[in-house]
Amino acid sequence: MNTGTLLLLGLCAFVAATPPSLAQGWPEKPVRLVIPFPPGGINDITARNLNTRLLAILGQNLIIDYRAGAGGNVGAEHVAKAAADGYTILVANNSLLINASLYRKLAYDPFRDFVPVAMGSTAPSMISVHPSLPARDIKELVALAKARPGVITYGSAGAGTPTHLAGELFRARTGANILHVPYKGGGPLIIALVGGEVMISFNSPITARPHVDAGKLRALAVTTAKRWSGMPALPTVAEAGYAGFDSFAWIAFFAPAGTPRAIVERLNAAINRVQQLPEIRERFAEHGMEPGSGTPDEFAAFLKSNFELWDKLIKAQHIEID
């Protein structure tokens, strides 16, 4: 059975109604939020910012459980095999979908084995360059890359990461022939960029901005459809003439497949309610993030389109991880 068929089956199972009686009394004990990455990342920031307020609404503690490894696959597999009772929730990001296209074999399927609960937050990427690169905007960068095919380098936090795929999307949409150089994480990447080892990165604006402010990097654009509120003067890639360019990190909540619909809807409503609180919105803004919103069905539709975007790109660029 191919991925597309599994995707449709997963979505159909998701929208099927679940008797409310199955969710009565939930939660009666603490809920585990499984984060498939080390502490300190945007998954962790999202979960911790929402955690205290969710306690007040749900009446139970939410325990954060870090299960990092294999690009997020270790934690995802753990939740996929967990009981579908609402007490084990995955806090995932783009990698959950991307890995389905990148890896030849996975022990889980992102659509068959999970129920989408809610979008937690989103974050743009900033296209920043080393000051030695003679490009002041996206049009100049594209022209320079076309004039020097395969010479200008862009760094990523690793093969298959969102920072890598943002660069590949840029290559595909603009025709800029830039060369990928992977690093082992966002920290080594930003050091390499500031040091001039690579010329370009598609990184978090919160990570890059201090270096931009210090004159060690030059910011050219954000990768989202709308400008980032943290630097409203910074244009989007679309504004440079590449309509429809929209690449961003997202962090979201998933439950194991078969989790009662009533539990999914209650958790979705609680997360959406917390996200509208001014203090939560301010905390997210400090990290260059925006709170998510929407129903479980709206989130499921987003996942389908997002998967199709990256799956098409990964196959076209022949990107694969064993």
C-alpha atoms as a PDB file:
ATOM      1  CA  MET A   1       0.000   0.000   0.000  1.00  0.00           C
ATOM      2  CA  ASN A   2       1.523   3.333  -1.035  1.00  0.00           C
ATOM      3  CA  THR A   3       1.922   6.434   1.127  1.00  0.00           C
ATOM      4  CA  GLY A   4      -0.928   8.287  -0.587  1.00  0.00           C
ATOM      5  CA  THR A   5      -3.389   5.476   0.178  1.00  0.00           C
ATOM      6  CA  LEU A   6      -2.230   5.310   3.783  1.00  0.00           C
ATOM      7  CA  LEU A   7      -2.630   9.072   4.043  1.00  0.00           C
ATOM      8  CA  LEU A   8      -6.253   8.904   2.875  1.00  0.00           C
ATOM      9  CA  LEU A   9      -7.027   5.995   5.177  1.00  0.00           C
ATOM     10  CA  GLY A  10      -5.512   7.869   8.090  1.00  0.00           C
ATOM     11  CA  LEU A  11      -7.538  10.991   7.415  1.00  0.00           C
ATOM     12  CA  CYS A  12     -10.741   8.984   7.007  1.00  0.00           C
ATOM     13  CA  ALA A  13     -10.156   7.221  10.311  1.00  0.00           C
ATOM     14  CA  PHE A  14      -9.412  10.554  11.950  1.00  0.00           C
ATOM     15  CA  VAL A  15     -12.696  12.206  10.958  1.00  0.00           C
ATOM     16  CA  ALA A  16     -14.788   9.224  12.079  1.00  0.00           C
ATOM     17  CA  ALA A  17     -16.846  10.032  15.160  1.00  0.00           C
ATOM     18  CA  THR A  18     -16.013   8.477  18.517  1.00  0.00           C
ATOM     19  CA  PRO A  19     -18.646   7.920  21.203  1.00  0.00           C
ATOM     20  CA  PRO A  20     -18.303  10.659  23.854  1.00  0.00           C
ATOM     21  CA  SER A  21     -18.641   8.053  26.606  1.00  0.00           C
ATOM     22  CA  LEU A  22     -15.117   6.803  25.853  1.00  0.00           C
ATOM     23  CA  ALA A  23     -13.677  10.135  26.924  1.00  0.00           C
ATOM     24  CA  GLN A  24     -15.715  10.746  30.046  1.00  0.00           C
ATOM     25  CA  GLY A  25     -13.556  11.756  32.979  1.00  0.00           C
ATOM     26  CA  TRP A  26     -10.430  12.399  30.914  1.00  0.00           C
ATOM     27  CA  PRO A  27      -7.895  13.272  32.175  1.00  0.00           C
ATOM     28  CA  GLU A  28      -7.921  11.369  35.447  1.00  0.00           C
ATOM     29  CA  LYS A  29      -4.125  11.256  35.737  1.00  0.00           C
ATOM     30  CA  PRO A  30      -1.108  13.215  34.398  1.00  0.00           C
ATOM     31  CA  VAL A  31      -0.664  13.418  30.633  1.00  0.00           C
ATOM     32  CA  ARG A  32       2.789  12.805  29.127  1.00  0.00           C
ATOM     33  CA  LEU A  33       3.985  15.183  26.420  1.00  0.00           C
ATOM     34  CA  VAL A  34       6.660  13.298  24.477  1.00  0.00           C
ATOM     35  CA  ILE A  35       9.215  15.578  22.815  1.00  0.00           C
ATOM     36  CA  PRO A  36      11.343  13.695  20.259  1.00  0.00           C
ATOM     37  CA  PHE A  37      14.242  16.169  20.480  1.00  0.00           C
ATOM     38  CA  PRO A  38      16.610  17.388  23.228  1.00  0.00           C
ATOM     39  CA  PRO A  39      15.539  20.192  25.603  1.00  0.00           C
ATOM     40  CA  GLY A  40      15.787  23.786  24.435  1.00  0.00           C
ATOM     41  CA  GLY A  41      14.379  23.523  20.923  1.00  0.00           C
ATOM     42  CA  ILE A  42      11.142  24.982  19.607  1.00  0.00           C
ATOM     43  CA  ASN A  43       9.222  21.792  20.464  1.00  0.00           C
ATOM     44  CA  ASP A  44      10.316  22.203  24.062  1.00  0.00           C
ATOM     45  CA  ILE A  45       9.573  25.943  24.092  1.00  0.00           C
ATOM     46  CA  THR A  46       6.061  25.364  22.747  1.00  0.00           C
ATOM     47  CA  ALA A  47       5.244  22.626  25.237  1.00  0.00           C
ATOM     48  CA  ARG A  48       6.598  24.525  28.241  1.00  0.00           C
ATOM     49  CA  ASN A  49       4.854  27.784  27.353  1.00  0.00           C
ATOM     50  CA  LEU A  50       1.493  26.022  27.161  1.00  0.00           C
ATOM     51  CA  ASN A  51       2.081  23.584  30.010  1.00  0.00           C
ATOM     52  CA  THR A  52       1.107  25.609  33.096  1.00  0.00           C
ATOM     53  CA  ARG A  53      -2.045  27.062  31.594  1.00  0.00           C
ATOM     54  CA  LEU A  54      -3.161  23.675  30.277  1.00  0.00           C
ATOM     55  CA  LEU A  55      -2.869  22.347  33.835  1.00  0.00           C
ATOM     56  CA  ALA A  56      -5.348  24.972  34.996  1.00  0.00           C
ATOM     57  CA  ILE A  57      -7.838  24.015  32.274  1.00  0.00           C
ATOM     58  CA  LEU A  58      -7.482  20.226  32.270  1.00  0.00           C
ATOM     59  CA  GLY A  59      -6.941  19.787  35.999  1.00  0.00           C
ATOM     60  CA  GLN A  60      -3.968  17.438  35.616  1.00  0.00           C
ATOM     61  CA  ASN A  61      -0.204  17.818  35.342  1.00  0.00           C
ATOM     62  CA  LEU A  62       1.403  17.535  31.929  1.00  0.00           C
ATOM     63  CA  ILE A  63       4.741  15.762  32.256  1.00  0.00           C
ATOM     64  CA  ILE A  64       7.375  16.467  29.602  1.00  0.00           C
ATOM     65  CA  ASP A  65       9.192  13.334  28.465  1.00  0.00           C
ATOM     66  CA  TYR A  66      12.245  13.795  26.205  1.00  0.00           C
ATOM     67  CA  ARG A  67      12.894  10.895  23.833  1.00  0.00           C
ATOM     68  CA  ALA A  68      15.396  12.233  21.332  1.00  0.00           C
ATOM     69  CA  GLY A  69      17.138  10.378  18.544  1.00  0.00           C
ATOM     70  CA  ALA A  70      17.152   9.570  14.817  1.00  0.00           C
ATOM     71  CA  GLY A  71      15.788  12.925  13.699  1.00  0.00           C
ATOM     72  CA  GLY A  72      12.692  12.641  15.877  1.00  0.00           C
ATOM     73  CA  ASN A  73      11.917   9.042  14.927  1.00  0.00           C
ATOM     74  CA  VAL A  74      12.605   7.541  18.369  1.00  0.00           C
ATOM     75  CA  GLY A  75       9.994   9.642  20.157  1.00  0.00           C
ATOM     76  CA  ALA A  76       7.489   9.346  17.332  1.00  0.00           C
ATOM     77  CA  GLU A  77       7.744   5.552  17.300  1.00  0.00           C
ATOM     78  CA  HIS A  78       7.255   5.486  21.076  1.00  0.00           C
ATOM     79  CA  VAL A  79       3.999   7.441  20.860  1.00  0.00           C
ATOM     80  CA  ALA A  80       2.782   5.468  17.823  1.00  0.00           C
ATOM     81  CA  LYS A  81       2.953   2.311  19.966  1.00  0.00           C
ATOM     82  CA  ALA A  82       1.415   3.912  23.083  1.00  0.00           C
ATOM     83  CA  ALA A  83      -2.104   3.252  24.330  1.00  0.00           C
ATOM     84  CA  ALA A  84      -4.737   5.352  22.557  1.00  0.00           C
ATOM     85  CA  ASP A  85      -6.180   6.694  25.795  1.00  0.00           C
ATOM     86  CA  GLY A  86      -5.174  10.360  25.684  1.00  0.00           C
ATOM     87  CA  TYR A  87      -2.364  10.056  28.221  1.00  0.00           C
ATOM     88  CA  THR A  88       0.564  10.019  25.774  1.00  0.00           C
ATOM     89  CA  ILE A  89       0.818  12.947  23.360  1.00  0.00           C
ATOM     90  CA  LEU A  90       3.548  13.651  20.803  1.00  0.00           C
ATOM     91  CA  VAL A  91       4.868  17.209  20.417  1.00  0.00           C
ATOM     92  CA  ALA A  92       6.240  16.967  16.877  1.00  0.00           C
ATOM     93  CA  ASN A  93       7.433  19.327  14.157  1.00  0.00           C
ATOM     94  CA  ASN A  94       7.869  19.250  10.362  1.00  0.00           C
ATOM     95  CA  SER A  95      10.197  16.278  10.682  1.00  0.00           C
ATOM     96  CA  LEU A  96       7.260  13.958  11.410  1.00  0.00           C
ATOM     97  CA  LEU A  97       6.054  14.383   7.826  1.00  0.00           C
ATOM     98  CA  ILE A  98       9.421  15.012   6.195  1.00  0.00           C
ATOM     99  CA  ASN A  99      10.885  11.770   7.564  1.00  0.00           C
ATOM    100  CA  ALA A 100       8.146   9.764   5.847  1.00  0.00           C
ATOM    101  CA  SER A 101       9.626  10.865   2.526  1.00  0.00           C
ATOM    102  CA  LEU A 102      13.290  10.916   3.545  1.00  0.00           C
ATOM    103  CA  TYR A 103      13.735   7.495   5.123  1.00  0.00           C
ATOM    104  CA  ARG A 104      13.427   4.246   3.225  1.00  0.00           C
ATOM    105  CA  LYS A 105      12.053   2.484   6.277  1.00  0.00           C
ATOM    106  CA  LEU A 106      10.196   3.857   9.299  1.00  0.00           C
ATOM    107  CA  ALA A 107       8.624   1.958  12.172  1.00  0.00           C
ATOM    108  CA  TYR A 108       5.538   4.192  11.974  1.00  0.00           C
ATOM    109  CA  ASP A 109       3.417   6.046   9.437  1.00  0.00           C
ATOM    110  CA  PRO A 110       2.643   9.699  10.263  1.00  0.00           C
ATOM    111  CA  PHE A 111      -0.936   9.446   8.975  1.00  0.00           C
ATOM    112  CA  ARG A 112      -1.891   5.892   9.839  1.00  0.00           C
ATOM    113  CA  ASP A 113      -0.432   5.851  13.368  1.00  0.00           C
ATOM    114  CA  PHE A 114      -1.352   9.327  14.674  1.00  0.00           C
ATOM    115  CA  VAL A 115      -4.381  11.536  15.139  1.00  0.00           C
ATOM    116  CA  PRO A 116      -3.766  15.275  14.578  1.00  0.00           C
ATOM    117  CA  VAL A 117      -4.799  17.229  17.682  1.00  0.00           C
ATOM    118  CA  ALA A 118      -3.729  20.863  17.329  1.00  0.00           C
ATOM    119  CA  MET A 119      -1.181  23.229  15.829  1.00  0.00           C
ATOM    120  CA  GLY A 120       0.970  24.491  18.684  1.00  0.00           C
ATOM    121  CA  SER A 121       3.058  27.215  17.053  1.00  0.00           C
ATOM    122  CA  THR A 122       4.764  28.295  13.854  1.00  0.00           C
ATOM    123  CA  ALA A 123       8.098  30.006  13.223  1.00  0.00           C
ATOM    124  CA  PRO A 124       9.567  31.568  10.087  1.00  0.00           C
ATOM    125  CA  SER A 125      13.057  31.059   8.723  1.00  0.00           C
ATOM    126  CA  MET A 126      15.341  33.965   7.928  1.00  0.00           C
ATOM    127  CA  ILE A 127      17.566  33.966   4.868  1.00  0.00           C
ATOM    128  CA  SER A 128      20.803  35.477   6.109  1.00  0.00           C
ATOM    129  CA  VAL A 129      24.161  35.737   4.376  1.00  0.00           C
ATOM    130  CA  HIS A 130      27.764  36.390   5.324  1.00  0.00           C
ATOM    131  CA  PRO A 131      28.610  40.090   4.780  1.00  0.00           C
ATOM    132  CA  SER A 132      31.313  39.162   2.272  1.00  0.00           C
ATOM    133  CA  LEU A 133      28.644  37.978  -0.157  1.00  0.00           C
ATOM    134  CA  PRO A 134      27.789  40.901  -2.487  1.00  0.00           C
ATOM    135  CA  ALA A 135      24.002  40.457  -2.321  1.00  0.00           C
ATOM    136  CA  ARG A 136      21.732  42.999  -0.652  1.00  0.00           C
ATOM    137  CA  ASP A 137      18.403  41.378  -1.491  1.00  0.00           C
ATOM    138  CA  ILE A 138      16.906  38.154  -2.840  1.00  0.00           C
ATOM    139  CA  LYS A 139      17.030  39.220  -6.475  1.00  0.00           C
ATOM    140  CA  GLU A 140      20.744  39.972  -6.205  1.00  0.00           C
ATOM    141  CA  LEU A 141      21.339  36.659  -4.417  1.00  0.00           C
ATOM    142  CA  VAL A 142      19.560  34.674  -7.132  1.00  0.00           C
ATOM    143  CA  ALA A 143      21.421  36.531  -9.897  1.00  0.00           C
ATOM    144  CA  LEU A 144      24.746  35.908  -8.151  1.00  0.00           C
ATOM    145  CA  ALA A 145      24.005  32.198  -7.693  1.00  0.00           C
ATOM    146  CA  LYS A 146      23.034  31.814 -11.338  1.00  0.00           C
ATOM    147  CA  ALA A 147      26.235  33.553 -12.404  1.00  0.00           C
ATOM    148  CA  ARG A 148      28.300  31.248 -10.152  1.00  0.00           C
ATOM    149  CA  PRO A 149      26.501  27.875 -10.366  1.00  0.00           C
ATOM    150  CA  GLY A 150      27.436  25.439  -7.610  1.00  0.00           C
ATOM    151  CA  VAL A 151      29.940  27.830  -6.042  1.00  0.00           C
ATOM    152  CA  ILE A 152      27.889  29.686  -3.412  1.00  0.00           C
ATOM    153  CA  THR A 153      27.223  27.485  -0.371  1.00  0.00           C
ATOM    154  CA  TYR A 154      24.351  27.308   2.069  1.00  0.00           C
ATOM    155  CA  GLY A 155      24.573  25.549   5.406  1.00  0.00           C
ATOM    156  CA  SER A 156      21.955  23.489   7.224  1.00  0.00           C
ATOM    157  CA  ALA A 157      21.570  21.869  10.629  1.00  0.00           C
ATOM    158  CA  GLY A 158      21.826  18.478   8.918  1.00  0.00           C
ATOM    159  CA  ALA A 159      20.605  16.527   5.926  1.00  0.00           C
ATOM    160  CA  GLY A 160      16.828  16.346   5.852  1.00  0.00           C
ATOM    161  CA  THR A 161      16.277  19.043   8.470  1.00  0.00           C
ATOM    162  CA  PRO A 162      13.879  21.951   7.825  1.00  0.00           C
ATOM    163  CA  THR A 163      16.904  24.239   7.305  1.00  0.00           C
ATOM    164  CA  HIS A 164      18.090  21.916   4.540  1.00  0.00           C
ATOM    165  CA  LEU A 165      14.701  21.591   2.844  1.00  0.00           C
ATOM    166  CA  ALA A 166      14.073  25.337   2.993  1.00  0.00           C
ATOM    167  CA  GLY A 167      17.268  25.746   1.001  1.00  0.00           C
ATOM    168  CA  GLU A 168      16.213  23.089  -1.492  1.00  0.00           C
ATOM    169  CA  LEU A 169      12.829  24.765  -1.907  1.00  0.00           C
ATOM    170  CA  PHE A 170      14.638  28.032  -2.571  1.00  0.00           C
ATOM    171  CA  ARG A 171      16.796  26.323  -5.198  1.00  0.00           C
ATOM    172  CA  ALA A 172      13.763  24.768  -6.871  1.00  0.00           C
ATOM    173  CA  ARG A 173      11.607  27.896  -6.919  1.00  0.00           C
ATOM    174  CA  THR A 174      14.261  30.455  -7.874  1.00  0.00           C
ATOM    175  CA  GLY A 175      16.665  28.436 -10.013  1.00  0.00           C
ATOM    176  CA  ALA A 176      19.566  29.547  -7.795  1.00  0.00           C
ATOM    177  CA  ASN A 177      22.236  26.845  -8.034  1.00  0.00           C
ATOM    178  CA  ILE A 178      23.570  26.916  -4.462  1.00  0.00           C
ATOM    179  CA  LEU A 179      25.540  24.091  -2.861  1.00  0.00           C
ATOM    180  CA  HIS A 180      24.345  22.388   0.350  1.00  0.00           C
ATOM    181  CA  VAL A 181      26.760  21.910   3.258  1.00  0.00           C
ATOM    182  CA  PRO A 182      25.274  19.995   6.232  1.00  0.00           C
ATOM    183  CA  TYR A 183      26.360  20.540   9.842  1.00  0.00           C
ATOM    184  CA  LYS A 184      25.571  18.624  13.019  1.00  0.00           C
ATOM    185  CA  GLY A 185      22.965  20.949  14.482  1.00  0.00           C
ATOM    186  CA  GLY A 186      21.951  24.596  14.501  1.00  0.00           C
ATOM    187  CA  GLY A 187      24.797  25.666  16.782  1.00  0.00           C
ATOM    188  CA  PRO A 188      27.633  24.538  14.497  1.00  0.00           C
ATOM    189  CA  LEU A 189      25.715  25.944  11.531  1.00  0.00           C
ATOM    190  CA  ILE A 190      25.492  29.502  12.872  1.00  0.00           C
ATOM    191  CA  ILE A 191      29.182  29.395  13.881  1.00  0.00           C
ATOM    192  CA  ALA A 192      30.104  28.313  10.360  1.00  0.00           C
ATOM    193  CA  LEU A 193      27.984  31.052   8.795  1.00  0.00           C
ATOM    194  CA  VAL A 194      29.379  33.828  10.982  1.00  0.00           C
ATOM    195  CA  GLY A 195      32.883  32.501  10.313  1.00  0.00           C
ATOM    196  CA  GLY A 196      32.361  32.532   6.557  1.00  0.00           C
ATOM    197  CA  GLU A 197      32.635  28.766   6.026  1.00  0.00           C
ATOM    198  CA  VAL A 198      29.283  28.936   4.228  1.00  0.00           C
ATOM    199  CA  MET A 199      27.623  31.969   2.660  1.00  0.00           C
ATOM    200  CA  ILE A 200      23.905  31.445   3.283  1.00  0.00           C
ATOM    201  CA  SER A 201      21.564  29.890   5.836  1.00  0.00           C
ATOM    202  CA  PHE A 202      17.813  29.414   6.208  1.00  0.00           C
ATOM    203  CA  ASN A 203      17.775  29.597   9.970  1.00  0.00           C
ATOM    204  CA  SER A 204      15.590  30.697  12.863  1.00  0.00           C
ATOM    205  CA  PRO A 205      15.418  34.516  13.033  1.00  0.00           C
ATOM    206  CA  ILE A 206      15.957  34.357  16.782  1.00  0.00           C
ATOM    207  CA  THR A 207      19.242  32.499  16.207  1.00  0.00           C
ATOM    208  CA  ALA A 208      20.420  34.740  13.380  1.00  0.00           C
ATOM    209  CA  ARG A 209      19.166  38.146  14.507  1.00  0.00           C
ATOM    210  CA  PRO A 210      21.806  38.870  17.198  1.00  0.00           C
ATOM    211  CA  HIS A 211      24.485  38.376  14.550  1.00  0.00           C
ATOM    212  CA  VAL A 212      22.537  40.525  12.082  1.00  0.00           C
ATOM    213  CA  ASP A 213      22.274  43.300  14.670  1.00  0.00           C
ATOM    214  CA  ALA A 214      26.017  43.012  15.322  1.00  0.00           C
ATOM    215  CA  GLY A 215      26.797  43.339  11.615  1.00  0.00           C
ATOM    216  CA  LYS A 216      28.214  39.821  11.400  1.00  0.00           C
ATOM    217  CA  LEU A 217      25.408  38.658   9.111  1.00  0.00           C
ATOM    218  CA  ARG A 218      23.080  40.341   6.622  1.00  0.00           C
ATOM    219  CA  ALA A 219      19.371  39.483   6.633  1.00  0.00           C
ATOM    220  CA  LEU A 220      17.760  39.344   3.191  1.00  0.00           C
ATOM    221  CA  ALA A 221      14.253  37.962   3.712  1.00  0.00           C
ATOM    222  CA  VAL A 222      11.924  35.698   5.648  1.00  0.00           C
ATOM    223  CA  THR A 223      10.596  32.518   4.081  1.00  0.00           C
ATOM    224  CA  THR A 224       6.968  32.860   5.167  1.00  0.00           C
ATOM    225  CA  ALA A 225       4.074  34.269   3.145  1.00  0.00           C
ATOM    226  CA  LYS A 226       3.783  37.186   5.574  1.00  0.00           C
ATOM    227  CA  ARG A 227       6.484  39.365   7.102  1.00  0.00           C
ATOM    228  CA  TRP A 228       7.784  38.520  10.547  1.00  0.00           C
ATOM    229  CA  SER A 229       6.539  40.864  13.267  1.00  0.00           C
ATOM    230  CA  GLY A 230       9.973  40.836  14.917  1.00  0.00           C
ATOM    231  CA  MET A 231      11.550  42.569  11.891  1.00  0.00           C
ATOM    232  CA  PRO A 232       8.637  44.056   9.925  1.00  0.00           C
ATOM    233  CA  ALA A 233      10.948  45.864   7.479  1.00  0.00           C
ATOM    234  CA  LEU A 234      12.402  42.553   6.287  1.00  0.00           C
ATOM    235  CA  PRO A 235      10.633  41.446   3.061  1.00  0.00           C
ATOM    236  CA  THR A 236       9.414  37.977   2.155  1.00  0.00           C
ATOM    237  CA  VAL A 237      10.792  35.815  -0.652  1.00  0.00           C
ATOM    238  CA  ALA A 238       7.430  36.134  -2.389  1.00  0.00           C
ATOM    239  CA  GLU A 239       7.814  39.916  -2.450  1.00  0.00           C
ATOM    240  CA  ALA A 240      11.016  39.458  -4.432  1.00  0.00           C
ATOM    241  CA  GLY A 241       8.949  37.964  -7.252  1.00  0.00           C
ATOM    242  CA  TYR A 242       8.633  34.297  -6.255  1.00  0.00           C
ATOM    243  CA  ALA A 243       4.915  34.059  -5.592  1.00  0.00           C
ATOM    244  CA  GLY A 244       3.666  31.324  -3.290  1.00  0.00           C
ATOM    245  CA  PHE A 245       6.976  30.790  -1.504  1.00  0.00           C
ATOM    246  CA  ASP A 246       5.985  29.857   2.044  1.00  0.00           C
ATOM    247  CA  SER A 247       8.263  27.753   4.242  1.00  0.00           C
ATOM    248  CA  PHE A 248       8.086  27.696   8.023  1.00  0.00           C
ATOM    249  CA  ALA A 249       8.632  25.479  11.026  1.00  0.00           C
ATOM    250  CA  TRP A 250       5.586  24.185  12.839  1.00  0.00           C
ATOM    251  CA  ILE A 251       5.194  22.450  16.173  1.00  0.00           C
ATOM    252  CA  ALA A 252       2.058  20.451  16.858  1.00  0.00           C
ATOM    253  CA  PHE A 253       0.326  17.911  19.071  1.00  0.00           C
ATOM    254  CA  PHE A 254      -0.541  14.356  17.989  1.00  0.00           C
ATOM    255  CA  ALA A 255      -2.207  11.434  19.748  1.00  0.00           C
ATOM    256  CA  PRO A 256      -1.881   7.728  18.924  1.00  0.00           C
ATOM    257  CA  ALA A 257      -4.326   6.496  16.284  1.00  0.00           C
ATOM    258  CA  GLY A 258      -7.590   5.362  17.828  1.00  0.00           C
ATOM    259  CA  THR A 259      -7.633   8.014  20.547  1.00  0.00           C
ATOM    260  CA  PRO A 260     -11.293   8.910  21.208  1.00  0.00           C
ATOM    261  CA  ARG A 261     -12.471  11.894  19.216  1.00  0.00           C
ATOM    262  CA  ALA A 262     -13.928  13.537  22.327  1.00  0.00           C
ATOM    263  CA  ILE A 263     -10.470  13.567  23.960  1.00  0.00           C
ATOM    264  CA  VAL A 264      -8.904  15.005  20.805  1.00  0.00           C
ATOM    265  CA  GLU A 265     -11.507  17.774  20.663  1.00  0.00           C
ATOM    266  CA  ARG A 266     -11.169  18.623  24.346  1.00  0.00           C
ATOM    267  CA  LEU A 267      -7.385  18.870  24.139  1.00  0.00           C
ATOM    268  CA  ASN A 268      -7.645  20.911  20.932  1.00  0.00           C
ATOM    269  CA  ALA A 269     -10.046  23.363  22.592  1.00  0.00           C
ATOM    270  CA  ALA A 270      -7.783  23.685  25.652  1.00  0.00           C
ATOM    271  CA  ILE A 271      -4.680  24.365  23.536  1.00  0.00           C
ATOM    272  CA  ASN A 272      -6.500  26.949  21.393  1.00  0.00           C
ATOM    273  CA  ARG A 273      -7.804  28.687  24.498  1.00  0.00           C
ATOM    274  CA  VAL A 274      -4.347  28.965  26.055  1.00  0.00           C
ATOM    275  CA  GLN A 275      -2.829  30.229  22.805  1.00  0.00           C
ATOM    276  CA  GLN A 276      -5.074  33.289  22.844  1.00  0.00           C
ATOM    277  CA  LEU A 277      -3.806  34.492  26.215  1.00  0.00           C
ATOM    278  CA  PRO A 278      -1.743  37.713  25.840  1.00  0.00           C
ATOM    279  CA  GLU A 279       1.066  36.399  28.065  1.00  0.00           C
ATOM    280  CA  ILE A 280       1.429  33.253  25.926  1.00  0.00           C
ATOM    281  CA  ARG A 281       1.466  35.244  22.695  1.00  0.00           C
ATOM    282  CA  GLU A 282       4.175  37.494  24.177  1.00  0.00           C
ATOM    283  CA  ARG A 283       6.300  34.507  25.194  1.00  0.00           C
ATOM    284  CA  PHE A 284       6.053  33.006  21.728  1.00  0.00           C
ATOM    285  CA  ALA A 285       6.966  36.352  20.153  1.00  0.00           C
ATOM    286  CA  GLU A 286      10.144  36.464  22.241  1.00  0.00           C
ATOM    287  CA  HIS A 287      11.237  33.276  20.483  1.00  0.00           C
ATOM    288  CA  GLY A 288      10.189  34.384  16.991  1.00  0.00           C
ATOM    289  CA  MET A 289       7.130  32.150  17.103  1.00  0.00           C
ATOM    290  CA  GLU A 290       3.398  32.618  16.662  1.00  0.00           C
ATOM    291  CA  PRO A 291       0.655  30.545  18.323  1.00  0.00           C
ATOM    292  CA  GLY A 292      -1.314  28.144  16.170  1.00  0.00           C
ATOM    293  CA  SER A 293      -5.081  27.799  15.941  1.00  0.00           C
ATOM    294  CA  GLY A 294      -7.827  25.803  14.267  1.00  0.00           C
ATOM    295  CA  THR A 295      -9.870  22.630  14.670  1.00  0.00           C
ATOM    296  CA  PRO A 296      -8.474  19.102  14.420  1.00  0.00           C
ATOM    297  CA  ASP A 297     -10.015  18.764  10.950  1.00  0.00           C
ATOM    298  CA  GLU A 298      -8.409  22.004   9.755  1.00  0.00           C
ATOM    299  CA  PHE A 299      -5.070  20.812  11.106  1.00  0.00           C
ATOM    300  CA  ALA A 300      -5.479  17.469   9.311  1.00  0.00           C
ATOM    301  CA  ALA A 301      -6.097  19.281   6.016  1.00  0.00           C
ATOM    302  CA  PHE A 302      -2.974  21.385   6.551  1.00  0.00           C
ATOM    303  CA  LEU A 303      -0.897  18.262   7.179  1.00  0.00           C
ATOM    304  CA  LYS A 304      -2.064  16.724   3.908  1.00  0.00           C
ATOM    305  CA  SER A 305      -1.032  19.777   1.855  1.00  0.00           C
ATOM    306  CA  ASN A 306       2.222  20.207   3.788  1.00  0.00           C
ATOM    307  CA  PHE A 307       3.163  16.579   3.225  1.00  0.00           C
ATOM    308  CA  GLU A 308       2.468  16.891  -0.504  1.00  0.00           C
ATOM    309  CA  LEU A 309       4.713  19.984  -0.731  1.00  0.00           C
ATOM    310  CA  TRP A 310       7.754  18.366   0.890  1.00  0.00           C
ATOM    311  CA  ASP A 311       7.219  14.907  -0.577  1.00  0.00           C
ATOM    312  CA  LYS A 312       7.209  16.366  -4.089  1.00  0.00           C
ATOM    313  CA  LEU A 313      10.344  18.410  -3.388  1.00  0.00           C
ATOM    314  CA  ILE A 314      12.246  15.519  -1.763  1.00  0.00           C
ATOM    315  CA  LYS A 315      11.505  13.196  -4.673  1.00  0.00           C
ATOM    316  CA  ALA A 316      12.344  15.837  -7.281  1.00  0.00           C
ATOM    317  CA  GLN A 317      15.674  16.627  -5.588  1.00  0.00           C
ATOM    318  CA  HIS A 318      16.432  12.934  -4.943  1.00  0.00           C
ATOM    319  CA  ILE A 319      17.007  13.470  -1.211  1.00  0.00           C
ATOM    320  CA  GLU A 320      17.118  10.272   0.842  1.00  0.00           C
ATOM    321  CA  ILE A 321      18.383   8.991   4.195  1.00  0.00           C
ATOM    322  CA  ASP A 322      18.982   5.279   4.793  1.00  0.00           C
END
